[in-house]
Structures are given as C-alpha cells and as structure tokens.
Amino acid sequence: CISIDRKKRRSASVPLTLDINLFEDRDEDSRQVDMLH
C-alpha cells in the first residue's frame, strides 16, 4: 500500500465525481471518524 500510495502521489490527479449521497450518515460520530481518517 505504501508503494502504491507513493506512485499515486507522484502522478496525482484530481478525480471528478458528481455522485453525492444525500442520505449519508452525518451524525457527530461520523464526522469525528471522517475527520480523523
């Protein structure tokens, strides 16, 4: 994973996504876990 991550960072691109999940769980715990990740 580290090797692949290094290769990916060398050739970083910005992905374009339009898929937004409006029903995604956004409670305080989820935000904390998301922030930590």
PDB file of all heavy atoms in Angstrom:
ATOM      1  N   CYS A   1       0.824  -1.214   0.000  1.00  0.00           N
ATOM      2  CA  CYS A   1       0.000   0.000   0.000  1.00  0.00           C
ATOM      3  C   CYS A   1       0.861   1.269   0.000  1.00  0.00           C
ATOM      4  O   CYS A   1       0.536   2.238  -0.682  1.00  0.00           O
ATOM      5  CB  CYS A   1      -0.950  -0.001   1.189  1.00  0.00           C
ATOM      6  SG  CYS A   1      -2.254  -1.242   1.039  1.00  0.00           S
ATOM      7  N   ILE A   2       1.953   1.243   0.738  1.00  0.00           N
ATOM      8  CA  ILE A   2       2.849   2.408   0.773  1.00  0.00           C
ATOM      9  C   ILE A   2       3.460   2.633  -0.609  1.00  0.00           C
ATOM     10  O   ILE A   2       3.517   3.766  -1.098  1.00  0.00           O
ATOM     11  CB  ILE A   2       3.932   2.235   1.856  1.00  0.00           C
ATOM     12  CG1 ILE A   2       3.312   2.414   3.247  1.00  0.00           C
ATOM     13  CG2 ILE A   2       5.076   3.237   1.654  1.00  0.00           C
ATOM     14  CD1 ILE A   2       4.225   2.024   4.400  1.00  0.00           C
ATOM     15  N   SER A   3       3.899   1.574  -1.254  1.00  0.00           N
ATOM     16  CA  SER A   3       4.491   1.707  -2.600  1.00  0.00           C
ATOM     17  C   SER A   3       3.481   2.267  -3.595  1.00  0.00           C
ATOM     18  O   SER A   3       3.796   3.176  -4.368  1.00  0.00           O
ATOM     19  CB  SER A   3       4.984   0.352  -3.096  1.00  0.00           C
ATOM     20  OG  SER A   3       6.040  -0.108  -2.316  1.00  0.00           O
ATOM     21  N   ILE A   4       2.282   1.737  -3.567  1.00  0.00           N
ATOM     22  CA  ILE A   4       1.241   2.207  -4.491  1.00  0.00           C
ATOM     23  C   ILE A   4       0.867   3.646  -4.174  1.00  0.00           C
ATOM     24  O   ILE A   4       0.673   4.468  -5.065  1.00  0.00           O
ATOM     25  CB  ILE A   4       0.014   1.266  -4.455  1.00  0.00           C
ATOM     26  CG1 ILE A   4       0.396  -0.071  -5.087  1.00  0.00           C
ATOM     27  CG2 ILE A   4      -1.182   1.889  -5.167  1.00  0.00           C
ATOM     28  CD1 ILE A   4      -0.635  -1.170  -4.924  1.00  0.00           C
ATOM     29  N   ASP A   5       0.799   3.982  -2.874  1.00  0.00           N
ATOM     30  CA  ASP A   5       0.473   5.343  -2.459  1.00  0.00           C
ATOM     31  C   ASP A   5       1.528   6.327  -2.959  1.00  0.00           C
ATOM     32  O   ASP A   5       1.193   7.412  -3.431  1.00  0.00           O
ATOM     33  CB  ASP A   5       0.363   5.401  -0.936  1.00  0.00           C
ATOM     34  CG  ASP A   5      -0.132   6.745  -0.448  1.00  0.00           C
ATOM     35  OD1 ASP A   5      -1.294   7.095  -0.752  1.00  0.00           O
ATOM     36  OD2 ASP A   5       0.642   7.466   0.236  1.00  0.00           O
ATOM     37  N   ARG A   6       2.790   5.957  -2.877  1.00  0.00           N
ATOM     38  CA  ARG A   6       3.873   6.839  -3.359  1.00  0.00           C
ATOM     39  C   ARG A   6       3.758   7.062  -4.857  1.00  0.00           C
ATOM     40  O   ARG A   6       3.909   8.182  -5.337  1.00  0.00           O
ATOM     41  CB  ARG A   6       5.229   6.230  -3.031  1.00  0.00           C
ATOM     42  CG  ARG A   6       5.614   6.410  -1.595  1.00  0.00           C
ATOM     43  CD  ARG A   6       7.008   5.879  -1.332  1.00  0.00           C
ATOM     44  NE  ARG A   6       7.328   6.020   0.074  1.00  0.00           N
ATOM     45  CZ  ARG A   6       8.046   5.152   0.765  1.00  0.00           C
ATOM     46  NH1 ARG A   6       8.546   4.082   0.174  1.00  0.00           N
ATOM     47  NH2 ARG A   6       8.293   5.358   2.036  1.00  0.00           N
ATOM     48  N   LYS A   7       3.502   5.992  -5.605  1.00  0.00           N
ATOM     49  CA  LYS A   7       3.344   6.122  -7.055  1.00  0.00           C
ATOM     50  C   LYS A   7       2.159   7.028  -7.376  1.00  0.00           C
ATOM     51  O   LYS A   7       2.223   7.866  -8.270  1.00  0.00           O
ATOM     52  CB  LYS A   7       3.130   4.748  -7.702  1.00  0.00           C
ATOM     53  CG  LYS A   7       4.366   3.894  -7.741  1.00  0.00           C
ATOM     54  CD  LYS A   7       4.038   2.528  -8.332  1.00  0.00           C
ATOM     55  CE  LYS A   7       5.182   1.565  -8.113  1.00  0.00           C
ATOM     56  NZ  LYS A   7       4.816   0.192  -8.492  1.00  0.00           N
ATOM     57  N   LYS A   8       1.064   6.821  -6.628  1.00  0.00           N
ATOM     58  CA  LYS A   8      -0.156   7.601  -6.849  1.00  0.00           C
ATOM     59  C   LYS A   8       0.089   9.085  -6.568  1.00  0.00           C
ATOM     60  O   LYS A   8      -0.365   9.947  -7.307  1.00  0.00           O
ATOM     61  CB  LYS A   8      -1.267   7.058  -5.953  1.00  0.00           C
ATOM     62  CG  LYS A   8      -2.612   7.727  -6.143  1.00  0.00           C
ATOM     63  CD  LYS A   8      -3.675   7.050  -5.305  1.00  0.00           C
ATOM     64  CE  LYS A   8      -3.487   7.415  -3.853  1.00  0.00           C
ATOM     65  NZ  LYS A   8      -4.522   6.868  -2.981  1.00  0.00           N
ATOM     66  N   ARG A   9       0.837   9.390  -5.513  1.00  0.00           N
ATOM     67  CA  ARG A   9       1.093  10.790  -5.161  1.00  0.00           C
ATOM     68  C   ARG A   9       2.004  11.463  -6.190  1.00  0.00           C
ATOM     69  O   ARG A   9       1.900  12.661  -6.404  1.00  0.00           O
ATOM     70  CB  ARG A   9       1.696  10.893  -3.767  1.00  0.00           C
ATOM     71  CG  ARG A   9       0.684  10.626  -2.683  1.00  0.00           C
ATOM     72  CD  ARG A   9       1.340  10.650  -1.306  1.00  0.00           C
ATOM     73  NE  ARG A   9       0.418  10.174  -0.296  1.00  0.00           N
ATOM     74  CZ  ARG A   9      -0.190  10.960   0.573  1.00  0.00           C
ATOM     75  NH1 ARG A   9       0.030  12.245   0.568  1.00  0.00           N
ATOM     76  NH2 ARG A   9      -1.010  10.455   1.469  1.00  0.00           N
ATOM     77  N   ARG A  10       2.908  10.688  -6.801  1.00  0.00           N
ATOM     78  CA  ARG A  10       3.795  11.251  -7.828  1.00  0.00           C
ATOM     79  C   ARG A  10       2.994  11.669  -9.055  1.00  0.00           C
ATOM     80  O   ARG A  10       3.307  12.653  -9.698  1.00  0.00           O
ATOM     81  CB  ARG A  10       4.874  10.250  -8.229  1.00  0.00           C
ATOM     82  CG  ARG A  10       6.058  10.315  -7.322  1.00  0.00           C
ATOM     83  CD  ARG A  10       7.202   9.474  -7.870  1.00  0.00           C
ATOM     84  NE  ARG A  10       7.648   8.618  -6.787  1.00  0.00           N
ATOM     85  CZ  ARG A  10       7.755   7.311  -6.832  1.00  0.00           C
ATOM     86  NH1 ARG A  10       7.476   6.662  -7.926  1.00  0.00           N
ATOM     87  NH2 ARG A  10       8.141   6.629  -5.789  1.00  0.00           N
ATOM     88  N   SER A  11       1.993  10.909  -9.382  1.00  0.00           N
ATOM     89  CA  SER A  11       1.183  11.227 -10.562  1.00  0.00           C
ATOM     90  C   SER A  11      -0.248  11.561 -10.139  1.00  0.00           C
ATOM     91  O   SER A  11      -1.205  11.032 -10.683  1.00  0.00           O
ATOM     92  CB  SER A  11       1.187  10.050 -11.531  1.00  0.00           C
ATOM     93  OG  SER A  11       0.616   8.919 -10.919  1.00  0.00           O
ATOM     94  N   ALA A  12      -0.358  12.435  -9.161  1.00  0.00           N
ATOM     95  CA  ALA A  12      -1.668  12.775  -8.596  1.00  0.00           C
ATOM     96  C   ALA A  12      -2.537  13.488  -9.625  1.00  0.00           C
ATOM     97  O   ALA A  12      -2.084  14.350 -10.360  1.00  0.00           O
ATOM     98  CB  ALA A  12      -1.502  13.644  -7.364  1.00  0.00           C
ATOM     99  N   SER A  13      -3.794  13.112  -9.655  1.00  0.00           N
ATOM    100  CA  SER A  13      -4.778  13.780 -10.493  1.00  0.00           C
ATOM    101  C   SER A  13      -6.001  14.051  -9.638  1.00  0.00           C
ATOM    102  O   SER A  13      -6.213  13.427  -8.614  1.00  0.00           O
ATOM    103  CB  SER A  13      -5.156  12.904 -11.687  1.00  0.00           C
ATOM    104  OG  SER A  13      -5.748  11.715 -11.240  1.00  0.00           O
ATOM    105  N   VAL A  14      -6.787  14.990 -10.063  1.00  0.00           N
ATOM    106  CA  VAL A  14      -7.990  15.336  -9.313  1.00  0.00           C
ATOM    107  C   VAL A  14      -9.172  14.620  -9.944  1.00  0.00           C
ATOM    108  O   VAL A  14      -9.530  14.876 -11.094  1.00  0.00           O
ATOM    109  CB  VAL A  14      -8.236  16.867  -9.336  1.00  0.00           C
ATOM    110  CG1 VAL A  14      -9.501  17.229  -8.590  1.00  0.00           C
ATOM    111  CG2 VAL A  14      -7.034  17.588  -8.777  1.00  0.00           C
ATOM    112  N   PRO A  15      -9.783  13.675  -9.208  1.00  0.00           N
ATOM    113  CA  PRO A  15     -10.927  12.958  -9.781  1.00  0.00           C
ATOM    114  C   PRO A  15     -12.172  13.842  -9.791  1.00  0.00           C
ATOM    115  O   PRO A  15     -12.390  14.626  -8.870  1.00  0.00           O
ATOM    116  CB  PRO A  15     -11.107  11.778  -8.829  1.00  0.00           C
ATOM    117  CG  PRO A  15     -10.540  12.241  -7.531  1.00  0.00           C
ATOM    118  CD  PRO A  15      -9.446  13.219  -7.875  1.00  0.00           C
ATOM    119  N   LEU A  16     -12.947  13.730 -10.821  1.00  0.00           N
ATOM    120  CA  LEU A  16     -14.185  14.475 -10.936  1.00  0.00           C
ATOM    121  C   LEU A  16     -15.333  13.531 -10.608  1.00  0.00           C
ATOM    122  O   LEU A  16     -15.534  12.534 -11.296  1.00  0.00           O
ATOM    123  CB  LEU A  16     -14.343  15.023 -12.362  1.00  0.00           C
ATOM    124  CG  LEU A  16     -15.624  15.792 -12.653  1.00  0.00           C
ATOM    125  CD1 LEU A  16     -15.709  17.036 -11.767  1.00  0.00           C
ATOM    126  CD2 LEU A  16     -15.684  16.168 -14.114  1.00  0.00           C
ATOM    127  N   THR A  17     -16.047  13.821  -9.532  1.00  0.00           N
ATOM    128  CA  THR A  17     -17.181  12.983  -9.172  1.00  0.00           C
ATOM    129  C   THR A  17     -18.415  13.845  -8.988  1.00  0.00           C
ATOM    130  O   THR A  17     -18.347  14.945  -8.439  1.00  0.00           O
ATOM    131  CB  THR A  17     -16.932  12.210  -7.866  1.00  0.00           C
ATOM    132  OG1 THR A  17     -16.675  13.140  -6.832  1.00  0.00           O
ATOM    133  CG2 THR A  17     -15.767  11.250  -7.983  1.00  0.00           C
ATOM    134  N   LEU A  18     -19.509  13.337  -9.431  1.00  0.00           N
ATOM    135  CA  LEU A  18     -20.773  14.041  -9.293  1.00  0.00           C
ATOM    136  C   LEU A  18     -21.763  13.257  -8.448  1.00  0.00           C
ATOM    137  O   LEU A  18     -22.909  13.653  -8.306  1.00  0.00           O
ATOM    138  CB  LEU A  18     -21.384  14.306 -10.670  1.00  0.00           C
ATOM    139  CG  LEU A  18     -20.543  15.191 -11.587  1.00  0.00           C
ATOM    140  CD1 LEU A  18     -21.179  15.268 -12.965  1.00  0.00           C
ATOM    141  CD2 LEU A  18     -20.399  16.573 -10.996  1.00  0.00           C
ATOM    142  N   ASP A  19     -21.296  12.143  -7.894  1.00  0.00           N
ATOM    143  CA  ASP A  19     -22.204  11.308  -7.120  1.00  0.00           C
ATOM    144  C   ASP A  19     -22.177  11.722  -5.649  1.00  0.00           C
ATOM    145  O   ASP A  19     -21.217  11.500  -4.947  1.00  0.00           O
ATOM    146  CB  ASP A  19     -21.867   9.826  -7.286  1.00  0.00           C
ATOM    147  CG  ASP A  19     -20.402   9.532  -7.057  1.00  0.00           C
ATOM    148  OD1 ASP A  19     -19.562  10.417  -7.308  1.00  0.00           O
ATOM    149  OD2 ASP A  19     -20.096   8.422  -6.610  1.00  0.00           O
ATOM    150  N   ILE A  20     -23.230  12.340  -5.217  1.00  0.00           N
ATOM    151  CA  ILE A  20     -23.356  12.796  -3.840  1.00  0.00           C
ATOM    152  C   ILE A  20     -24.475  12.005  -3.192  1.00  0.00           C
ATOM    153  O   ILE A  20     -25.575  11.889  -3.739  1.00  0.00           O
ATOM    154  CB  ILE A  20     -23.685  14.308  -3.789  1.00  0.00           C
ATOM    155  CG1 ILE A  20     -22.557  15.104  -4.424  1.00  0.00           C
ATOM    156  CG2 ILE A  20     -23.944  14.748  -2.361  1.00  0.00           C
ATOM    157  CD1 ILE A  20     -22.888  16.560  -4.633  1.00  0.00           C
ATOM    158  N   ASN A  21     -24.195  11.446  -2.030  1.00  0.00           N
ATOM    159  CA  ASN A  21     -25.198  10.666  -1.319  1.00  0.00           C
ATOM    160  C   ASN A  21     -25.867  11.577  -0.286  1.00  0.00           C
ATOM    161  O   ASN A  21     -25.291  11.880   0.749  1.00  0.00           O
ATOM    162  CB  ASN A  21     -24.534   9.467  -0.639  1.00  0.00           C
ATOM    163  CG  ASN A  21     -25.545   8.581   0.045  1.00  0.00           C
ATOM    164  OD1 ASN A  21     -26.739   8.901   0.099  1.00  0.00           O
ATOM    165  ND2 ASN A  21     -25.073   7.474   0.574  1.00  0.00           N
ATOM    166  N   LEU A  22     -27.082  11.991  -0.578  1.00  0.00           N
ATOM    167  CA  LEU A  22     -27.796  12.887   0.329  1.00  0.00           C
ATOM    168  C   LEU A  22     -28.265  12.179   1.593  1.00  0.00           C
ATOM    169  O   LEU A  22     -28.638  12.823   2.572  1.00  0.00           O
ATOM    170  CB  LEU A  22     -28.995  13.511  -0.382  1.00  0.00           C
ATOM    171  CG  LEU A  22     -28.649  14.385  -1.590  1.00  0.00           C
ATOM    172  CD1 LEU A  22     -29.919  14.835  -2.289  1.00  0.00           C
ATOM    173  CD2 LEU A  22     -27.812  15.569  -1.173  1.00  0.00           C
ATOM    174  N   PHE A  23     -28.261  10.852   1.583  1.00  0.00           N
ATOM    175  CA  PHE A  23     -28.728  10.085   2.727  1.00  0.00           C
ATOM    176  C   PHE A  23     -27.576   9.583   3.593  1.00  0.00           C
ATOM    177  O   PHE A  23     -27.770   8.773   4.476  1.00  0.00           O
ATOM    178  CB  PHE A  23     -29.578   8.899   2.251  1.00  0.00           C
ATOM    179  CG  PHE A  23     -30.754   9.337   1.440  1.00  0.00           C
ATOM    180  CD1 PHE A  23     -30.736   9.248   0.062  1.00  0.00           C
ATOM    181  CD2 PHE A  23     -31.869   9.881   2.059  1.00  0.00           C
ATOM    182  CE1 PHE A  23     -31.809   9.672  -0.690  1.00  0.00           C
ATOM    183  CE2 PHE A  23     -32.952  10.305   1.309  1.00  0.00           C
ATOM    184  CZ  PHE A  23     -32.926  10.206  -0.066  1.00  0.00           C
ATOM    185  N   GLU A  24     -26.382  10.069   3.317  1.00  0.00           N
ATOM    186  CA  GLU A  24     -25.202   9.634   4.050  1.00  0.00           C
ATOM    187  C   GLU A  24     -25.335  10.015   5.526  1.00  0.00           C
ATOM    188  O   GLU A  24     -25.820  11.087   5.863  1.00  0.00           O
ATOM    189  CB  GLU A  24     -23.969  10.313   3.443  1.00  0.00           C
ATOM    190  CG  GLU A  24     -22.679   9.669   3.810  1.00  0.00           C
ATOM    191  CD  GLU A  24     -21.546  10.267   3.001  1.00  0.00           C
ATOM    192  OE1 GLU A  24     -21.370   9.860   1.846  1.00  0.00           O
ATOM    193  OE2 GLU A  24     -20.862  11.142   3.551  1.00  0.00           O
ATOM    194  N   ASP A  25     -24.881   9.126   6.382  1.00  0.00           N
ATOM    195  CA  ASP A  25     -24.945   9.342   7.820  1.00  0.00           C
ATOM    196  C   ASP A  25     -23.989  10.472   8.203  1.00  0.00           C
ATOM    197  O   ASP A  25     -22.795  10.371   8.002  1.00  0.00           O
ATOM    198  CB  ASP A  25     -24.568   8.049   8.554  1.00  0.00           C
ATOM    199  CG  ASP A  25     -24.822   8.142  10.042  1.00  0.00           C
ATOM    200  OD1 ASP A  25     -25.534   9.068  10.468  1.00  0.00           O
ATOM    201  OD2 ASP A  25     -24.301   7.277  10.763  1.00  0.00           O
ATOM    202  N   ARG A  26     -24.494  11.536   8.748  1.00  0.00           N
ATOM    203  CA  ARG A  26     -23.674  12.688   9.087  1.00  0.00           C
ATOM    204  C   ARG A  26     -23.854  13.100  10.547  1.00  0.00           C
ATOM    205  O   ARG A  26     -23.857  14.274  10.859  1.00  0.00           O
ATOM    206  CB  ARG A  26     -24.030  13.875   8.186  1.00  0.00           C
ATOM    207  CG  ARG A  26     -23.503  13.702   6.793  1.00  0.00           C
ATOM    208  CD  ARG A  26     -22.021  13.996   6.779  1.00  0.00           C
ATOM    209  NE  ARG A  26     -21.349  13.032   5.946  1.00  0.00           N
ATOM    210  CZ  ARG A  26     -20.091  12.651   6.090  1.00  0.00           C
ATOM    211  NH1 ARG A  26     -19.358  13.135   7.035  1.00  0.00           N
ATOM    212  NH2 ARG A  26     -19.560  11.776   5.293  1.00  0.00           N
ATOM    213  N   ASP A  27     -23.970  12.137  11.443  1.00  0.00           N
ATOM    214  CA  ASP A  27     -24.062  12.488  12.848  1.00  0.00           C
ATOM    215  C   ASP A  27     -22.680  12.873  13.367  1.00  0.00           C
ATOM    216  O   ASP A  27     -21.679  12.810  12.657  1.00  0.00           O
ATOM    217  CB  ASP A  27     -24.680  11.349  13.671  1.00  0.00           C
ATOM    218  CG  ASP A  27     -23.811  10.102  13.687  1.00  0.00           C
ATOM    219  OD1 ASP A  27     -22.732  10.103  13.082  1.00  0.00           O
ATOM    220  OD2 ASP A  27     -24.225   9.120  14.316  1.00  0.00           O
ATOM    221  N   GLU A  28     -22.586  13.304  14.603  1.00  0.00           N
ATOM    222  CA  GLU A  28     -21.330  13.792  15.180  1.00  0.00           C
ATOM    223  C   GLU A  28     -20.241  12.719  15.158  1.00  0.00           C
ATOM    224  O   GLU A  28     -19.093  13.010  14.825  1.00  0.00           O
ATOM    225  CB  GLU A  28     -21.569  14.295  16.609  1.00  0.00           C
ATOM    226  CG  GLU A  28     -20.359  14.969  17.230  1.00  0.00           C
ATOM    227  CD  GLU A  28     -19.840  16.183  16.458  1.00  0.00           C
ATOM    228  OE1 GLU A  28     -20.635  16.871  15.791  1.00  0.00           O
ATOM    229  OE2 GLU A  28     -18.622  16.419  16.509  1.00  0.00           O
ATOM    230  N   ASP A  29     -20.585  11.483  15.498  1.00  0.00           N
ATOM    231  CA  ASP A  29     -19.589  10.406  15.491  1.00  0.00           C
ATOM    232  C   ASP A  29     -19.033  10.190  14.088  1.00  0.00           C
ATOM    233  O   ASP A  29     -17.829  10.008  13.914  1.00  0.00           O
ATOM    234  CB  ASP A  29     -20.197   9.093  16.003  1.00  0.00           C
ATOM    235  CG  ASP A  29     -20.440   9.119  17.508  1.00  0.00           C
ATOM    236  OD1 ASP A  29     -19.852   9.987  18.189  1.00  0.00           O
ATOM    237  OD2 ASP A  29     -21.208   8.275  17.991  1.00  0.00           O
ATOM    238  N   SER A  30     -19.898  10.201  13.092  1.00  0.00           N
ATOM    239  CA  SER A  30     -19.454  10.013  11.707  1.00  0.00           C
ATOM    240  C   SER A  30     -18.512  11.134  11.291  1.00  0.00           C
ATOM    241  O   SER A  30     -17.505  10.897  10.631  1.00  0.00           O
ATOM    242  CB  SER A  30     -20.632   9.984  10.750  1.00  0.00           C
ATOM    243  OG  SER A  30     -21.432   8.864  10.997  1.00  0.00           O
ATOM    244  N   ARG A  31     -18.841  12.360  11.689  1.00  0.00           N
ATOM    245  CA  ARG A  31     -17.974  13.491  11.348  1.00  0.00           C
ATOM    246  C   ARG A  31     -16.621  13.359  12.033  1.00  0.00           C
ATOM    247  O   ARG A  31     -15.584  13.642  11.439  1.00  0.00           O
ATOM    248  CB  ARG A  31     -18.638  14.811  11.725  1.00  0.00           C
ATOM    249  CG  ARG A  31     -19.706  15.234  10.726  1.00  0.00           C
ATOM    250  CD  ARG A  31     -20.114  16.681  10.920  1.00  0.00           C
ATOM    251  NE  ARG A  31     -20.834  16.919  12.159  1.00  0.00           N
ATOM    252  CZ  ARG A  31     -22.132  16.742  12.329  1.00  0.00           C
ATOM    253  NH1 ARG A  31     -22.871  16.304  11.345  1.00  0.00           N
ATOM    254  NH2 ARG A  31     -22.710  16.994  13.485  1.00  0.00           N
ATOM    255  N   GLN A  32     -16.620  12.894  13.286  1.00  0.00           N
ATOM    256  CA  GLN A  32     -15.359  12.704  14.013  1.00  0.00           C
ATOM    257  C   GLN A  32     -14.496  11.649  13.324  1.00  0.00           C
ATOM    258  O   GLN A  32     -13.300  11.850  13.128  1.00  0.00           O
ATOM    259  CB  GLN A  32     -15.642  12.270  15.457  1.00  0.00           C
ATOM    260  CG  GLN A  32     -16.258  13.342  16.326  1.00  0.00           C
ATOM    261  CD  GLN A  32     -15.224  14.340  16.812  1.00  0.00           C
ATOM    262  OE1 GLN A  32     -14.071  14.015  16.978  1.00  0.00           O
ATOM    263  NE2 GLN A  32     -15.666  15.563  17.033  1.00  0.00           N
ATOM    264  N   VAL A  33     -15.096  10.516  12.969  1.00  0.00           N
ATOM    265  CA  VAL A  33     -14.359   9.436  12.307  1.00  0.00           C
ATOM    266  C   VAL A  33     -13.839   9.917  10.960  1.00  0.00           C
ATOM    267  O   VAL A  33     -12.690   9.660  10.592  1.00  0.00           O
ATOM    268  CB  VAL A  33     -15.250   8.178  12.149  1.00  0.00           C
ATOM    269  CG1 VAL A  33     -14.622   7.164  11.232  1.00  0.00           C
ATOM    270  CG2 VAL A  33     -15.548   7.579  13.511  1.00  0.00           C
ATOM    271  N   ASP A  34     -14.682  10.631  10.227  1.00  0.00           N
ATOM    272  CA  ASP A  34     -14.297  11.166   8.927  1.00  0.00           C
ATOM    273  C   ASP A  34     -13.118  12.127   9.059  1.00  0.00           C
ATOM    274  O   ASP A  34     -12.155  12.061   8.291  1.00  0.00           O
ATOM    275  CB  ASP A  34     -15.506  11.887   8.310  1.00  0.00           C
ATOM    276  CG  ASP A  34     -15.543  11.786   6.818  1.00  0.00           C
ATOM    277  OD1 ASP A  34     -15.000  10.808   6.280  1.00  0.00           O
ATOM    278  OD2 ASP A  34     -16.114  12.705   6.188  1.00  0.00           O
ATOM    279  N   MET A  35     -13.195  13.012  10.049  1.00  0.00           N
ATOM    280  CA  MET A  35     -12.125  13.975  10.278  1.00  0.00           C
ATOM    281  C   MET A  35     -10.819  13.259  10.634  1.00  0.00           C
ATOM    282  O   MET A  35      -9.753  13.593  10.125  1.00  0.00           O
ATOM    283  CB  MET A  35     -12.508  14.949  11.401  1.00  0.00           C
ATOM    284  CG  MET A  35     -11.465  16.020  11.662  1.00  0.00           C
ATOM    285  SD  MET A  35     -11.932  17.152  12.981  1.00  0.00           S
ATOM    286  CE  MET A  35     -11.830  16.078  14.404  1.00  0.00           C
ATOM    287  N   LEU A  36     -10.913  12.255  11.506  1.00  0.00           N
ATOM    288  CA  LEU A  36      -9.729  11.502  11.900  1.00  0.00           C
ATOM    289  C   LEU A  36      -9.119  10.793  10.689  1.00  0.00           C
ATOM    290  O   LEU A  36      -7.909  10.830  10.483  1.00  0.00           O
ATOM    291  CB  LEU A  36     -10.071  10.490  12.993  1.00  0.00           C
ATOM    292  CG  LEU A  36      -8.905   9.640  13.503  1.00  0.00           C
ATOM    293  CD1 LEU A  36      -7.817  10.527  14.101  1.00  0.00           C
ATOM    294  CD2 LEU A  36      -9.395   8.640  14.535  1.00  0.00           C
ATOM    295  N   HIS A  37      -9.961  10.162   9.882  1.00  0.00           N
ATOM    296  CA  HIS A  37      -9.461   9.466   8.689  1.00  0.00           C
ATOM    297  C   HIS A  37      -8.764  10.449   7.747  1.00  0.00           C
ATOM    298  O   HIS A  37      -7.693  10.152   7.199  1.00  0.00           O
ATOM    299  CB  HIS A  37     -10.593   8.746   7.973  1.00  0.00           C
ATOM    300  CG  HIS A  37     -10.104   7.857   6.880  1.00  0.00           C
ATOM    301  ND1 HIS A  37      -9.874   8.316   5.610  1.00  0.00           N
ATOM    302  CD2 HIS A  37      -9.766   6.547   6.878  1.00  0.00           C
ATOM    303  CE1 HIS A  37      -9.422   7.326   4.864  1.00  0.00           C
ATOM    304  NE2 HIS A  37      -9.353   6.244   5.608  1.00  0.00           N
TER     305      HIS A  37
END
